[in-house]
């Protein structure tokens, strides 16, 4: 299968990238970048440097959206700096990659890949849905050829993480998210409903400390930063948000309970960013969304650490 990762490359994106690179039957054909955890330029820099660190510089990186729909700028916040660090990767300084971002725009790369690979193509988004929205808006016919779209986004049955209503990737561009969810393009939503079932702690991360590579050292440092700060004032640990979206795309059987539904996003206060059932399509027999509600967390965690351990060991 062919895979495109769409990342706003912070720390959990780095873990998703590492995990995806280690998948034996997956060809990561490109990484598209977007704003979110960091600015677009920082996302590009982090992605190129991570690919270099993991000895996979042949994977091309494409520049995507710089700001949310309805705006003309984007700035990161102090909360983002607390969780991901000022540079998005726990303030860890990685060696500079010799590679550069591709000249082709992310949206055009996505659409070209949809035309070329069709059902063989999987797209996993782990940031705001702006790139996906732009691609669907530009050529919905091409996007309907994509075999599978899986997004780490939303919170349907539980509260959000940036507000009582909203998950971060949706709240960072609610207009684009609304457009995608109402577009009739089929997708799987891996939201907080299931990502919060994949909690890890210091003992899990500690196993990377025994791997004698620069990649393992860097990933350990940035992950330790993230899980010290994700839940401020609470004990060390957190969820594998973005990696779970990769796992669900490649191994859908890991999802043990799903809900077919038609969704929308609320775009006005006080509940801006809320993912919720679309009343206008409530009785439609065809549902374009599948929402993950339960996951085999033990099987996922075993697979995640087996694969990441291997790729970190091999990144010499």
C-alpha atoms as a PDB file:
ATOM      1  CA  UNK A   1       0.000   0.000   0.000  1.00  0.00           C
ATOM      2  CA  UNK A   2       1.038   3.621  -0.606  1.00  0.00           C
ATOM      3  CA  UNK A   3       0.856   6.069   2.285  1.00  0.00           C
ATOM      4  CA  UNK A   4       0.817   9.853   2.579  1.00  0.00           C
ATOM      5  CA  UNK A   5       1.219  11.352   6.040  1.00  0.00           C
ATOM      6  CA  UNK A   6      -0.149  14.861   6.546  1.00  0.00           C
ATOM      7  CA  UNK A   7       1.648  16.307   9.586  1.00  0.00           C
ATOM      8  CA  UNK A   8       1.921  19.474  11.649  1.00  0.00           C
ATOM      9  CA  UNK A   9       5.155  18.025  12.878  1.00  0.00           C
ATOM     10  CA  UNK A  10       5.217  18.162  16.620  1.00  0.00           C
ATOM     11  CA  UNK A  11       6.203  15.340  18.946  1.00  0.00           C
ATOM     12  CA  UNK A  12       3.330  12.895  18.454  1.00  0.00           C
ATOM     13  CA  UNK A  13       3.674  13.488  14.706  1.00  0.00           C
ATOM     14  CA  UNK A  14       7.338  12.498  15.043  1.00  0.00           C
ATOM     15  CA  UNK A  15       6.246   9.266  16.724  1.00  0.00           C
ATOM     16  CA  UNK A  16       3.683   8.641  13.967  1.00  0.00           C
ATOM     17  CA  UNK A  17       6.363   9.216  11.326  1.00  0.00           C
ATOM     18  CA  UNK A  18       8.771   6.829  13.054  1.00  0.00           C
ATOM     19  CA  UNK A  19       6.062   4.182  13.370  1.00  0.00           C
ATOM     20  CA  UNK A  20       4.982   4.556   9.731  1.00  0.00           C
ATOM     21  CA  UNK A  21       8.548   4.274   8.441  1.00  0.00           C
ATOM     22  CA  UNK A  22       8.899   0.933  10.179  1.00  0.00           C
ATOM     23  CA  UNK A  23       5.817  -0.665   8.654  1.00  0.00           C
ATOM     24  CA  UNK A  24       7.013  -3.609   6.528  1.00  0.00           C
ATOM     25  CA  UNK A  25       4.225  -3.543   3.935  1.00  0.00           C
ATOM     26  CA  UNK A  26       3.797   0.222   3.593  1.00  0.00           C
ATOM     27  CA  UNK A  27       5.492   2.547   1.120  1.00  0.00           C
ATOM     28  CA  UNK A  28       5.545   6.071   2.568  1.00  0.00           C
ATOM     29  CA  UNK A  29       5.519   8.022  -0.688  1.00  0.00           C
ATOM     30  CA  UNK A  30       5.536  11.476   0.862  1.00  0.00           C
ATOM     31  CA  UNK A  31       4.869  13.710   3.847  1.00  0.00           C
ATOM     32  CA  UNK A  32       2.687  16.770   3.389  1.00  0.00           C
ATOM     33  CA  UNK A  33       3.010  19.483   6.014  1.00  0.00           C
ATOM     34  CA  UNK A  34       0.667  21.967   7.592  1.00  0.00           C
ATOM     35  CA  UNK A  35       0.459  24.501  10.423  1.00  0.00           C
ATOM     36  CA  UNK A  36      -0.823  23.417  13.824  1.00  0.00           C
ATOM     37  CA  UNK A  37       1.566  22.326  16.547  1.00  0.00           C
ATOM     38  CA  UNK A  38       4.049  24.620  14.788  1.00  0.00           C
ATOM     39  CA  UNK A  39       4.109  27.048  11.882  1.00  0.00           C
ATOM     40  CA  UNK A  40       4.341  25.629   8.370  1.00  0.00           C
ATOM     41  CA  UNK A  41       8.043  26.484   8.032  1.00  0.00           C
ATOM     42  CA  UNK A  42       8.850  24.779  11.328  1.00  0.00           C
ATOM     43  CA  UNK A  43       6.782  21.747  10.293  1.00  0.00           C
ATOM     44  CA  UNK A  44       8.836  21.440   7.108  1.00  0.00           C
ATOM     45  CA  UNK A  45      12.117  21.826   8.993  1.00  0.00           C
ATOM     46  CA  UNK A  46      11.154  19.283  11.652  1.00  0.00           C
ATOM     47  CA  UNK A  47       9.989  16.758   9.063  1.00  0.00           C
ATOM     48  CA  UNK A  48      13.134  16.992   6.933  1.00  0.00           C
ATOM     49  CA  UNK A  49      15.366  16.743   9.990  1.00  0.00           C
ATOM     50  CA  UNK A  50      13.466  13.768  11.419  1.00  0.00           C
ATOM     51  CA  UNK A  51      13.669  11.901   8.123  1.00  0.00           C
ATOM     52  CA  UNK A  52      17.413  12.558   8.083  1.00  0.00           C
ATOM     53  CA  UNK A  53      17.745  11.392  11.686  1.00  0.00           C
ATOM     54  CA  UNK A  54      15.881   8.177  10.854  1.00  0.00           C
ATOM     55  CA  UNK A  55      18.002   7.601   7.723  1.00  0.00           C
ATOM     56  CA  UNK A  56      15.039   8.001   5.370  1.00  0.00           C
ATOM     57  CA  UNK A  57      15.842  11.210   3.513  1.00  0.00           C
ATOM     58  CA  UNK A  58      14.544   9.709   0.256  1.00  0.00           C
ATOM     59  CA  UNK A  59      10.972  10.358   1.447  1.00  0.00           C
ATOM     60  CA  UNK A  60       9.876  13.664  -0.141  1.00  0.00           C
ATOM     61  CA  UNK A  61       8.354  16.486   1.913  1.00  0.00           C
ATOM     62  CA  UNK A  62       5.762  18.904   0.532  1.00  0.00           C
ATOM     63  CA  UNK A  63       4.632  22.319   1.750  1.00  0.00           C
ATOM     64  CA  UNK A  64       0.934  22.595   2.516  1.00  0.00           C
ATOM     65  CA  UNK A  65      -1.356  25.112   4.158  1.00  0.00           C
ATOM     66  CA  UNK A  66       0.105  27.968   6.188  1.00  0.00           C
ATOM     67  CA  UNK A  67      -3.026  29.129   8.014  1.00  0.00           C
ATOM     68  CA  UNK A  68      -6.669  28.193   8.666  1.00  0.00           C
ATOM     69  CA  UNK A  69      -9.563  28.940   6.347  1.00  0.00           C
ATOM     70  CA  UNK A  70     -10.981  32.390   6.966  1.00  0.00           C
ATOM     71  CA  UNK A  71      -7.658  33.828   8.162  1.00  0.00           C
ATOM     72  CA  UNK A  72      -4.414  35.037   6.627  1.00  0.00           C
ATOM     73  CA  UNK A  73      -1.924  34.181   9.359  1.00  0.00           C
ATOM     74  CA  UNK A  74      -1.119  31.655  12.069  1.00  0.00           C
ATOM     75  CA  UNK A  75       0.811  31.930  15.315  1.00  0.00           C
ATOM     76  CA  UNK A  76       1.569  29.246  17.870  1.00  0.00           C
ATOM     77  CA  UNK A  77       0.537  29.740  21.502  1.00  0.00           C
ATOM     78  CA  UNK A  78       2.179  29.452  24.901  1.00  0.00           C
ATOM     79  CA  UNK A  79       0.137  26.291  25.530  1.00  0.00           C
ATOM     80  CA  UNK A  80       1.602  24.715  22.394  1.00  0.00           C
ATOM     81  CA  UNK A  81       5.090  25.756  23.478  1.00  0.00           C
ATOM     82  CA  UNK A  82       4.481  24.132  26.860  1.00  0.00           C
ATOM     83  CA  UNK A  83       3.372  20.818  25.354  1.00  0.00           C
ATOM     84  CA  UNK A  84       5.578  20.581  22.234  1.00  0.00           C
ATOM     85  CA  UNK A  85       8.343  23.068  22.952  1.00  0.00           C
ATOM     86  CA  UNK A  86       9.039  26.262  21.035  1.00  0.00           C
ATOM     87  CA  UNK A  87      10.353  24.299  18.048  1.00  0.00           C
ATOM     88  CA  UNK A  88       7.615  21.660  18.209  1.00  0.00           C
ATOM     89  CA  UNK A  89       9.936  18.788  19.113  1.00  0.00           C
ATOM     90  CA  UNK A  90      10.559  19.404  22.785  1.00  0.00           C
ATOM     91  CA  UNK A  91      13.292  21.981  22.101  1.00  0.00           C
ATOM     92  CA  UNK A  92      15.544  19.139  20.941  1.00  0.00           C
ATOM     93  CA  UNK A  93      17.973  20.418  18.305  1.00  0.00           C
ATOM     94  CA  UNK A  94      18.311  17.936  15.453  1.00  0.00           C
ATOM     95  CA  UNK A  95      21.111  17.974  12.852  1.00  0.00           C
ATOM     96  CA  UNK A  96      20.076  19.909   9.759  1.00  0.00           C
ATOM     97  CA  UNK A  97      18.976  17.823   6.790  1.00  0.00           C
ATOM     98  CA  UNK A  98      20.687  18.398   3.457  1.00  0.00           C
ATOM     99  CA  UNK A  99      17.367  17.919   1.676  1.00  0.00           C
ATOM    100  CA  UNK A 100      14.890  20.620   0.733  1.00  0.00           C
ATOM    101  CA  UNK A 101      11.124  20.757   0.512  1.00  0.00           C
ATOM    102  CA  UNK A 102       9.702  19.765  -2.882  1.00  0.00           C
ATOM    103  CA  UNK A 103       8.692  22.402  -5.409  1.00  0.00           C
ATOM    104  CA  UNK A 104       5.337  20.724  -5.987  1.00  0.00           C
ATOM    105  CA  UNK A 105       2.618  21.935  -3.610  1.00  0.00           C
ATOM    106  CA  UNK A 106       1.212  19.458  -1.100  1.00  0.00           C
ATOM    107  CA  UNK A 107      -2.290  19.701  -2.533  1.00  0.00           C
ATOM    108  CA  UNK A 108      -1.102  18.869  -6.041  1.00  0.00           C
ATOM    109  CA  UNK A 109       0.968  15.952  -4.741  1.00  0.00           C
ATOM    110  CA  UNK A 110      -2.074  14.552  -2.939  1.00  0.00           C
ATOM    111  CA  UNK A 111      -4.259  14.849  -6.033  1.00  0.00           C
ATOM    112  CA  UNK A 112      -1.609  13.408  -8.345  1.00  0.00           C
ATOM    113  CA  UNK A 113      -1.141  10.452  -5.987  1.00  0.00           C
ATOM    114  CA  UNK A 114      -4.908   9.907  -5.863  1.00  0.00           C
ATOM    115  CA  UNK A 115      -5.023   9.689  -9.648  1.00  0.00           C
ATOM    116  CA  UNK A 116      -1.974   7.434  -9.924  1.00  0.00           C
ATOM    117  CA  UNK A 117      -2.564   5.019  -7.047  1.00  0.00           C
ATOM    118  CA  UNK A 118      -6.329   5.138  -6.467  1.00  0.00           C
ATOM    119  CA  UNK A 119      -7.487   2.343  -4.152  1.00  0.00           C
ATOM    120  CA  UNK A 120      -3.893   1.548  -3.211  1.00  0.00           C
ATOM    121  CA  UNK A 121      -3.458   4.970  -1.581  1.00  0.00           C
ATOM    122  CA  UNK A 122      -3.986   5.699   2.109  1.00  0.00           C
ATOM    123  CA  UNK A 123      -3.933   9.245   3.469  1.00  0.00           C
ATOM    124  CA  UNK A 124      -3.460   9.754   7.203  1.00  0.00           C
ATOM    125  CA  UNK A 125      -3.903  13.260   8.589  1.00  0.00           C
ATOM    126  CA  UNK A 126      -2.492  14.161  11.984  1.00  0.00           C
ATOM    127  CA  UNK A 127      -2.969  17.927  11.976  1.00  0.00           C
ATOM    128  CA  UNK A 128      -5.660  20.413  10.960  1.00  0.00           C
ATOM    129  CA  UNK A 129      -7.709  19.224   7.980  1.00  0.00           C
ATOM    130  CA  UNK A 130      -6.822  22.197   5.791  1.00  0.00           C
ATOM    131  CA  UNK A 131      -4.726  20.325   3.216  1.00  0.00           C
ATOM    132  CA  UNK A 132      -7.401  17.649   2.907  1.00  0.00           C
ATOM    133  CA  UNK A 133     -10.113  20.275   2.502  1.00  0.00           C
ATOM    134  CA  UNK A 134      -8.121  22.093  -0.176  1.00  0.00           C
ATOM    135  CA  UNK A 135      -7.566  18.866  -2.104  1.00  0.00           C
ATOM    136  CA  UNK A 136     -11.251  17.903  -1.951  1.00  0.00           C
ATOM    137  CA  UNK A 137     -12.287  21.416  -2.947  1.00  0.00           C
ATOM    138  CA  UNK A 138      -9.927  21.442  -5.920  1.00  0.00           C
ATOM    139  CA  UNK A 139     -10.720  17.973  -7.274  1.00  0.00           C
ATOM    140  CA  UNK A 140     -13.374  15.944  -5.420  1.00  0.00           C
ATOM    141  CA  UNK A 141     -13.460  13.350  -8.211  1.00  0.00           C
ATOM    142  CA  UNK A 142      -9.804  12.509  -7.694  1.00  0.00           C
ATOM    143  CA  UNK A 143     -10.207  12.364  -3.922  1.00  0.00           C
ATOM    144  CA  UNK A 144     -13.039   9.857  -4.219  1.00  0.00           C
ATOM    145  CA  UNK A 145     -10.521   7.474  -5.818  1.00  0.00           C
ATOM    146  CA  UNK A 146      -8.414   7.321  -2.635  1.00  0.00           C
ATOM    147  CA  UNK A 147      -8.609   3.911  -1.021  1.00  0.00           C
ATOM    148  CA  UNK A 148      -8.734   5.140   2.572  1.00  0.00           C
ATOM    149  CA  UNK A 149      -8.578   8.413   4.488  1.00  0.00           C
ATOM    150  CA  UNK A 150      -7.910   8.242   8.212  1.00  0.00           C
ATOM    151  CA  UNK A 151      -7.766  11.361  10.335  1.00  0.00           C
ATOM    152  CA  UNK A 152      -6.625  11.943  13.896  1.00  0.00           C
ATOM    153  CA  UNK A 153      -9.264  14.508  14.661  1.00  0.00           C
ATOM    154  CA  UNK A 154     -12.307  15.190  16.738  1.00  0.00           C
ATOM    155  CA  UNK A 155     -13.998  13.986  19.893  1.00  0.00           C
ATOM    156  CA  UNK A 156     -17.497  12.596  19.497  1.00  0.00           C
ATOM    157  CA  UNK A 157     -18.405  10.851  22.763  1.00  0.00           C
ATOM    158  CA  UNK A 158     -16.071  12.629  25.199  1.00  0.00           C
ATOM    159  CA  UNK A 159     -14.959  16.236  25.836  1.00  0.00           C
ATOM    160  CA  UNK A 160     -12.290  17.876  23.708  1.00  0.00           C
ATOM    161  CA  UNK A 161      -8.743  18.663  24.751  1.00  0.00           C
ATOM    162  CA  UNK A 162      -8.645  22.384  23.893  1.00  0.00           C
ATOM    163  CA  UNK A 163     -12.138  23.081  25.178  1.00  0.00           C
ATOM    164  CA  UNK A 164     -15.045  21.078  26.567  1.00  0.00           C
ATOM    165  CA  UNK A 165     -16.225  20.747  22.968  1.00  0.00           C
ATOM    166  CA  UNK A 166     -13.227  20.697  20.674  1.00  0.00           C
ATOM    167  CA  UNK A 167     -10.199  18.583  19.827  1.00  0.00           C
ATOM    168  CA  UNK A 168      -7.091  20.506  18.747  1.00  0.00           C
ATOM    169  CA  UNK A 169      -6.851  19.508  15.080  1.00  0.00           C
ATOM    170  CA  UNK A 170     -10.486  20.426  14.458  1.00  0.00           C
ATOM    171  CA  UNK A 171     -10.377  23.636  16.468  1.00  0.00           C
ATOM    172  CA  UNK A 172      -7.268  24.804  14.600  1.00  0.00           C
ATOM    173  CA  UNK A 173      -9.381  25.010  11.423  1.00  0.00           C
ATOM    174  CA  UNK A 174     -13.070  24.345  12.093  1.00  0.00           C
ATOM    175  CA  UNK A 175     -14.178  25.679   8.697  1.00  0.00           C
ATOM    176  CA  UNK A 176     -11.939  23.261   6.807  1.00  0.00           C
ATOM    177  CA  UNK A 177     -12.952  20.406   9.105  1.00  0.00           C
ATOM    178  CA  UNK A 178     -16.630  21.139   8.518  1.00  0.00           C
ATOM    179  CA  UNK A 179     -16.050  21.147   4.766  1.00  0.00           C
ATOM    180  CA  UNK A 180     -14.289  17.773   4.870  1.00  0.00           C
ATOM    181  CA  UNK A 181     -16.840  16.108   7.138  1.00  0.00           C
ATOM    182  CA  UNK A 182     -19.756  17.298   5.003  1.00  0.00           C
ATOM    183  CA  UNK A 183     -18.064  16.529   1.664  1.00  0.00           C
ATOM    184  CA  UNK A 184     -19.397  12.962   1.276  1.00  0.00           C
ATOM    185  CA  UNK A 185     -15.791  11.746   0.955  1.00  0.00           C
ATOM    186  CA  UNK A 186     -15.487   8.575   3.050  1.00  0.00           C
ATOM    187  CA  UNK A 187     -13.119   8.647   6.018  1.00  0.00           C
ATOM    188  CA  UNK A 188     -12.338   7.078   9.374  1.00  0.00           C
ATOM    189  CA  UNK A 189     -12.130   9.397  12.362  1.00  0.00           C
ATOM    190  CA  UNK A 190      -9.646   8.437  15.062  1.00  0.00           C
ATOM    191  CA  UNK A 191     -10.541  10.943  17.719  1.00  0.00           C
ATOM    192  CA  UNK A 192      -9.900  11.359  21.407  1.00  0.00           C
ATOM    193  CA  UNK A 193     -12.567   8.689  21.948  1.00  0.00           C
ATOM    194  CA  UNK A 194      -9.950   6.056  21.102  1.00  0.00           C
ATOM    195  CA  UNK A 195      -6.590   7.808  21.333  1.00  0.00           C
ATOM    196  CA  UNK A 196      -7.113   8.289  25.067  1.00  0.00           C
ATOM    197  CA  UNK A 197      -7.350   4.515  25.359  1.00  0.00           C
ATOM    198  CA  UNK A 198      -3.651   4.271  24.398  1.00  0.00           C
ATOM    199  CA  UNK A 199      -1.979   5.842  27.418  1.00  0.00           C
ATOM    200  CA  UNK A 200       1.724   5.224  28.021  1.00  0.00           C
ATOM    201  CA  UNK A 201       4.051   6.176  30.863  1.00  0.00           C
ATOM    202  CA  UNK A 202       7.727   6.491  31.715  1.00  0.00           C
ATOM    203  CA  UNK A 203       8.292   2.734  31.856  1.00  0.00           C
ATOM    204  CA  UNK A 204       7.130   2.452  28.230  1.00  0.00           C
ATOM    205  CA  UNK A 205       9.445   5.194  27.006  1.00  0.00           C
ATOM    206  CA  UNK A 206      12.349   3.944  29.112  1.00  0.00           C
ATOM    207  CA  UNK A 207      12.932   1.023  26.740  1.00  0.00           C
ATOM    208  CA  UNK A 208      14.205   3.464  24.083  1.00  0.00           C
ATOM    209  CA  UNK A 209      16.997   4.556  26.432  1.00  0.00           C
ATOM    210  CA  UNK A 210      18.726   1.221  25.906  1.00  0.00           C
ATOM    211  CA  UNK A 211      18.967   1.726  22.129  1.00  0.00           C
ATOM    212  CA  UNK A 212      22.447   3.126  21.313  1.00  0.00           C
ATOM    213  CA  UNK A 213      21.576   5.430  18.397  1.00  0.00           C
ATOM    214  CA  UNK A 214      21.261   9.197  18.025  1.00  0.00           C
ATOM    215  CA  UNK A 215      17.717   8.680  16.764  1.00  0.00           C
ATOM    216  CA  UNK A 216      16.688   6.807  19.900  1.00  0.00           C
ATOM    217  CA  UNK A 217      18.269   9.468  22.116  1.00  0.00           C
ATOM    218  CA  UNK A 218      16.458  12.296  20.303  1.00  0.00           C
ATOM    219  CA  UNK A 219      13.093  10.546  20.240  1.00  0.00           C
ATOM    220  CA  UNK A 220      13.434   9.704  23.935  1.00  0.00           C
ATOM    221  CA  UNK A 221      14.250  13.329  24.796  1.00  0.00           C
ATOM    222  CA  UNK A 222      11.383  14.844  22.843  1.00  0.00           C
ATOM    223  CA  UNK A 223       8.888  12.238  24.030  1.00  0.00           C
ATOM    224  CA  UNK A 224       9.932  12.735  27.643  1.00  0.00           C
ATOM    225  CA  UNK A 225       9.348  16.474  27.200  1.00  0.00           C
ATOM    226  CA  UNK A 226       5.906  15.856  25.693  1.00  0.00           C
ATOM    227  CA  UNK A 227       4.658  13.431  28.303  1.00  0.00           C
ATOM    228  CA  UNK A 228       5.945  15.618  31.113  1.00  0.00           C
ATOM    229  CA  UNK A 229       3.887  18.548  29.827  1.00  0.00           C
ATOM    230  CA  UNK A 230       0.819  17.181  27.996  1.00  0.00           C
ATOM    231  CA  UNK A 231      -1.218  17.077  31.192  1.00  0.00           C
ATOM    232  CA  UNK A 232       0.235  19.927  33.221  1.00  0.00           C
ATOM    233  CA  UNK A 233       0.380  19.272  36.951  1.00  0.00           C
ATOM    234  CA  UNK A 234      -0.442  15.594  36.613  1.00  0.00           C
ATOM    235  CA  UNK A 235       1.796  12.562  36.654  1.00  0.00           C
ATOM    236  CA  UNK A 236       3.987  11.684  33.666  1.00  0.00           C
ATOM    237  CA  UNK A 237       2.292  10.034  30.689  1.00  0.00           C
ATOM    238  CA  UNK A 238      -0.169  10.532  27.864  1.00  0.00           C
ATOM    239  CA  UNK A 239      -1.761   9.180  24.724  1.00  0.00           C
ATOM    240  CA  UNK A 240      -0.345   8.052  21.381  1.00  0.00           C
ATOM    241  CA  UNK A 241      -2.713  10.235  19.367  1.00  0.00           C
ATOM    242  CA  UNK A 242      -1.138  10.412  15.907  1.00  0.00           C
ATOM    243  CA  UNK A 243       0.468   6.955  15.864  1.00  0.00           C
ATOM    244  CA  UNK A 244      -2.939   5.393  16.495  1.00  0.00           C
ATOM    245  CA  UNK A 245      -4.293   6.935  13.284  1.00  0.00           C
ATOM    246  CA  UNK A 246      -1.445   5.269  11.376  1.00  0.00           C
ATOM    247  CA  UNK A 247      -2.185   1.948  13.066  1.00  0.00           C
ATOM    248  CA  UNK A 248      -5.916   2.145  12.334  1.00  0.00           C
ATOM    249  CA  UNK A 249      -5.212   2.878   8.677  1.00  0.00           C
ATOM    250  CA  UNK A 250      -2.921  -0.122   8.274  1.00  0.00           C
ATOM    251  CA  UNK A 251      -4.600  -2.528  10.692  1.00  0.00           C
ATOM    252  CA  UNK A 252      -8.297  -1.574  10.861  1.00  0.00           C
ATOM    253  CA  UNK A 253      -9.053  -4.735  12.871  1.00  0.00           C
ATOM    254  CA  UNK A 254      -7.463  -2.973  15.860  1.00  0.00           C
ATOM    255  CA  UNK A 255     -10.686  -0.983  16.101  1.00  0.00           C
ATOM    256  CA  UNK A 256     -13.049  -3.167  18.106  1.00  0.00           C
ATOM    257  CA  UNK A 257     -16.032  -0.811  18.018  1.00  0.00           C
ATOM    258  CA  UNK A 258     -16.942   1.746  15.373  1.00  0.00           C
ATOM    259  CA  UNK A 259     -19.899   3.969  14.583  1.00  0.00           C
ATOM    260  CA  UNK A 260     -20.962   4.732  10.998  1.00  0.00           C
ATOM    261  CA  UNK A 261     -22.343   8.272  11.013  1.00  0.00           C
ATOM    262  CA  UNK A 262     -22.603  11.504   9.057  1.00  0.00           C
ATOM    263  CA  UNK A 263     -20.758  14.268  10.873  1.00  0.00           C
ATOM    264  CA  UNK A 264     -20.410  18.016  10.883  1.00  0.00           C
ATOM    265  CA  UNK A 265     -18.424  20.591  12.848  1.00  0.00           C
ATOM    266  CA  UNK A 266     -19.874  23.509  14.748  1.00  0.00           C
ATOM    267  CA  UNK A 267     -18.201  26.755  13.703  1.00  0.00           C
ATOM    268  CA  UNK A 268     -19.602  29.303  16.148  1.00  0.00           C
ATOM    269  CA  UNK A 269     -19.107  29.956  19.839  1.00  0.00           C
ATOM    270  CA  UNK A 270     -19.532  28.650  22.454  1.00  0.00           C
ATOM    271  CA  UNK A 271     -19.126  25.198  20.904  1.00  0.00           C
ATOM    272  CA  UNK A 272     -16.820  26.045  17.995  1.00  0.00           C
ATOM    273  CA  UNK A 273     -14.836  22.997  16.885  1.00  0.00           C
ATOM    274  CA  UNK A 274     -17.318  20.431  18.167  1.00  0.00           C
ATOM    275  CA  UNK A 275     -17.654  17.271  16.034  1.00  0.00           C
ATOM    276  CA  UNK A 276     -21.239  16.108  16.099  1.00  0.00           C
ATOM    277  CA  UNK A 277     -23.814  14.206  14.066  1.00  0.00           C
ATOM    278  CA  UNK A 278     -25.140  16.119  11.051  1.00  0.00           C
ATOM    279  CA  UNK A 279     -28.898  16.580  11.543  1.00  0.00           C
ATOM    280  CA  UNK A 280     -29.318  17.380   7.835  1.00  0.00           C
ATOM    281  CA  UNK A 281     -28.054  13.889   6.932  1.00  0.00           C
ATOM    282  CA  UNK A 282     -29.334  12.009   9.964  1.00  0.00           C
ATOM    283  CA  UNK A 283     -31.614   9.704   7.983  1.00  0.00           C
ATOM    284  CA  UNK A 284     -29.322   9.175   5.014  1.00  0.00           C
ATOM    285  CA  UNK A 285     -28.777   5.464   4.530  1.00  0.00           C
ATOM    286  CA  UNK A 286     -25.212   6.078   3.360  1.00  0.00           C
ATOM    287  CA  UNK A 287     -22.792   7.200   6.057  1.00  0.00           C
ATOM    288  CA  UNK A 288     -19.493   8.705   4.906  1.00  0.00           C
ATOM    289  CA  UNK A 289     -17.781   8.581   8.311  1.00  0.00           C
ATOM    290  CA  UNK A 290     -16.688   5.722  10.521  1.00  0.00           C
ATOM    291  CA  UNK A 291     -15.781   6.831  14.039  1.00  0.00           C
ATOM    292  CA  UNK A 292     -13.550   4.675  16.209  1.00  0.00           C
ATOM    293  CA  UNK A 293     -15.019   4.113  19.668  1.00  0.00           C
ATOM    294  CA  UNK A 294     -12.897   1.269  21.063  1.00  0.00           C
ATOM    295  CA  UNK A 295      -9.449  -0.101  20.318  1.00  0.00           C
ATOM    296  CA  UNK A 296      -7.442  -3.187  21.179  1.00  0.00           C
ATOM    297  CA  UNK A 297      -4.935  -1.054  23.041  1.00  0.00           C
ATOM    298  CA  UNK A 298      -2.668  -3.911  24.131  1.00  0.00           C
ATOM    299  CA  UNK A 299      -2.244  -5.154  20.562  1.00  0.00           C
ATOM    300  CA  UNK A 300      -1.585  -1.623  19.322  1.00  0.00           C
ATOM    301  CA  UNK A 301       0.953  -0.781  22.013  1.00  0.00           C
ATOM    302  CA  UNK A 302       2.822  -4.041  21.460  1.00  0.00           C
ATOM    303  CA  UNK A 303       2.996  -3.345  17.733  1.00  0.00           C
ATOM    304  CA  UNK A 304       3.944   0.298  18.208  1.00  0.00           C
ATOM    305  CA  UNK A 305       6.917  -0.411  20.449  1.00  0.00           C
ATOM    306  CA  UNK A 306       8.064  -3.427  18.443  1.00  0.00           C
ATOM    307  CA  UNK A 307       8.201  -1.363  15.260  1.00  0.00           C
ATOM    308  CA  UNK A 308       9.612   1.850  16.733  1.00  0.00           C
ATOM    309  CA  UNK A 309      12.295  -0.083  18.617  1.00  0.00           C
ATOM    310  CA  UNK A 310      13.375  -1.712  15.367  1.00  0.00           C
ATOM    311  CA  UNK A 311      13.566   1.463  13.326  1.00  0.00           C
ATOM    312  CA  UNK A 312      15.355   3.381  16.077  1.00  0.00           C
ATOM    313  CA  UNK A 313      17.878   0.554  16.356  1.00  0.00           C
ATOM    314  CA  UNK A 314      18.452   0.546  12.596  1.00  0.00           C
ATOM    315  CA  UNK A 315      18.871   4.336  12.334  1.00  0.00           C
ATOM    316  CA  UNK A 316      22.651   4.170  12.758  1.00  0.00           C
END
